[in-house]
Amino acid sequence: ASDFRTAWTFWTDTVGAEGLSSWGEPKYAGSVKLGGGSVTVAAGEEGPYEELGYDVRHGRPQIFLKTPDLRALHRRMVRKGAKVLAGPLTTHWGAKCFSAEGPDGLVVVFVEGK
């Protein structure tokens, strides 16, 4: 979103998702728990997020979903022809994950975990 506070209010107040963390000074990004995964809410500069291989665009959330067997899911998605953007890799914050693009352009980051 172009305005972090508006996006954060939508996900935490309107949707009712639990705010997990926010970062930046002033606050420009955060993560909310949604079911077994999370949504990253960000504002500020648009552009490439090289580590996970996608572009940050206003109004387009990145969905983070947990999977117990990251490598097996990655192999399956590659075999089925999915557009994998990056990974599997260990991110700068220590998560093992890979990113993929859905048919509608939505970025999904699969994170190893229970």
Protein backbone atom coordinates (compact mmCIF):
# COMPACT_ATOMS: atom_id res chain seq x y z
CA ALA A 1 0.00 0.00 0.00
CA SER A 2 1.15 3.53 -0.55
CA ASP A 3 0.13 4.35 3.05
CA PHE A 4 1.29 1.82 5.66
CA ARG A 5 -1.10 2.95 8.40
CA THR A 6 -4.14 2.50 6.12
CA ALA A 7 -2.99 -0.96 5.01
CA TRP A 8 -2.11 -1.99 8.59
CA THR A 9 -5.54 -0.86 9.83
CA PHE A 10 -7.26 -2.83 7.05
CA TRP A 11 -5.47 -6.09 7.93
CA THR A 12 -5.55 -5.74 11.74
CA ASP A 13 -8.84 -3.93 12.34
CA THR A 14 -11.07 -4.63 9.34
CA VAL A 15 -9.90 -8.22 8.65
CA GLY A 16 -9.07 -8.93 12.30
CA ALA A 17 -5.65 -10.45 11.65
CA GLU A 18 -3.17 -10.50 14.54
CA GLY A 19 -0.30 -8.04 14.13
CA LEU A 20 2.95 -10.00 14.52
CA SER A 21 5.63 -7.37 13.94
CA SER A 22 6.36 -4.10 12.23
CA TRP A 23 9.64 -2.52 11.26
CA GLY A 24 11.25 0.54 9.75
CA GLU A 25 11.52 4.07 11.03
CA PRO A 26 8.99 5.44 10.70
CA LYS A 27 7.01 2.20 10.50
CA TYR A 28 6.70 1.18 6.86
CA ALA A 29 6.23 -2.60 6.91
CA GLY A 30 4.81 -5.32 9.08
CA SER A 31 3.50 -8.86 9.20
CA VAL A 32 0.05 -10.05 10.29
CA LYS A 33 -0.99 -13.60 11.14
CA LEU A 34 -3.69 -14.94 8.85
CA GLY A 35 -4.71 -18.56 9.44
CA GLY A 36 -1.60 -20.75 9.28
CA GLY A 37 0.39 -18.10 7.45
CA SER A 38 0.95 -14.40 7.32
CA VAL A 39 0.59 -11.37 5.07
CA THR A 40 3.40 -8.84 4.77
CA VAL A 41 2.13 -5.27 4.58
CA ALA A 42 4.58 -2.74 3.19
CA ALA A 43 4.65 0.86 2.04
CA GLY A 44 7.40 3.09 0.82
CA GLU A 45 9.56 2.48 -2.18
CA GLU A 46 8.42 0.10 -4.86
CA GLY A 47 11.00 -1.99 -6.61
CA PRO A 48 12.91 -5.23 -6.63
CA TYR A 49 13.27 -7.37 -3.52
CA GLU A 50 16.27 -9.27 -4.80
CA GLU A 51 16.59 -11.84 -1.98
CA LEU A 52 13.20 -13.42 -2.74
CA GLY A 53 13.04 -12.46 -6.42
CA TYR A 54 9.93 -10.30 -6.70
CA ASP A 55 8.98 -6.66 -7.09
CA VAL A 56 7.34 -4.79 -4.23
CA ARG A 57 4.29 -2.98 -5.60
CA HIS A 58 1.81 -0.79 -3.76
CA GLY A 59 -1.46 -2.58 -3.14
CA ARG A 60 -0.08 -6.08 -3.82
CA PRO A 61 0.47 -8.07 -0.64
CA GLN A 62 2.91 -10.92 -0.35
CA ILE A 63 1.37 -13.99 1.27
CA PHE A 64 3.62 -16.09 3.53
CA LEU A 65 2.48 -19.69 4.11
CA LYS A 66 4.07 -22.35 6.29
CA THR A 67 4.87 -25.79 4.89
CA PRO A 68 6.36 -28.70 6.84
CA ASP A 69 8.48 -30.00 3.93
CA LEU A 70 9.79 -27.04 1.96
CA ARG A 71 12.05 -29.00 -0.40
CA ALA A 72 9.32 -31.51 -1.33
CA LEU A 73 6.87 -28.69 -2.07
CA HIS A 74 9.51 -26.88 -4.13
CA ARG A 75 10.25 -30.03 -6.18
CA ARG A 76 6.53 -30.61 -6.76
CA MET A 77 5.91 -27.03 -7.89
CA VAL A 78 8.89 -27.06 -10.26
CA ARG A 79 7.77 -30.41 -11.70
CA LYS A 80 4.26 -28.97 -12.25
CA GLY A 81 5.65 -25.91 -14.04
CA ALA A 82 5.05 -23.27 -11.38
CA LYS A 83 6.85 -19.95 -11.74
CA VAL A 84 9.35 -20.17 -8.86
CA LEU A 85 10.95 -16.77 -8.29
CA ALA A 86 13.72 -17.61 -5.80
CA GLY A 87 14.97 -20.36 -3.53
CA PRO A 88 14.85 -22.50 -1.65
CA LEU A 89 17.18 -20.39 0.44
CA THR A 90 17.79 -19.19 3.98
CA THR A 91 16.85 -15.51 4.22
CA HIS A 92 18.75 -12.78 6.04
CA TRP A 93 16.27 -13.22 8.94
CA GLY A 94 16.94 -16.98 9.14
CA ALA A 95 13.80 -18.42 7.50
CA LYS A 96 14.11 -21.25 5.00
CA CYS A 97 11.79 -20.44 2.12
CA PHE A 98 11.14 -20.01 -1.57
CA SER A 99 8.90 -17.65 -3.48
CA ALA A 100 6.55 -18.34 -6.37
CA GLU A 101 4.12 -16.38 -8.46
CA GLY A 102 0.53 -17.51 -8.74
CA PRO A 103 -1.41 -17.34 -12.01
CA ASP A 104 -2.78 -13.91 -11.08
CA GLY A 105 0.66 -12.45 -10.24
CA LEU A 106 0.21 -12.74 -6.47
CA VAL A 107 3.51 -13.50 -4.75
CA VAL A 108 3.45 -16.45 -2.34
CA VAL A 109 6.43 -17.15 -0.08
CA PHE A 110 6.49 -20.68 1.29
CA VAL A 111 8.28 -20.86 4.64
CA GLU A 112 9.41 -24.08 6.29
CA GLY A 113 7.59 -24.62 9.58
CA LYS A 114 4.76 -26.37 11.34
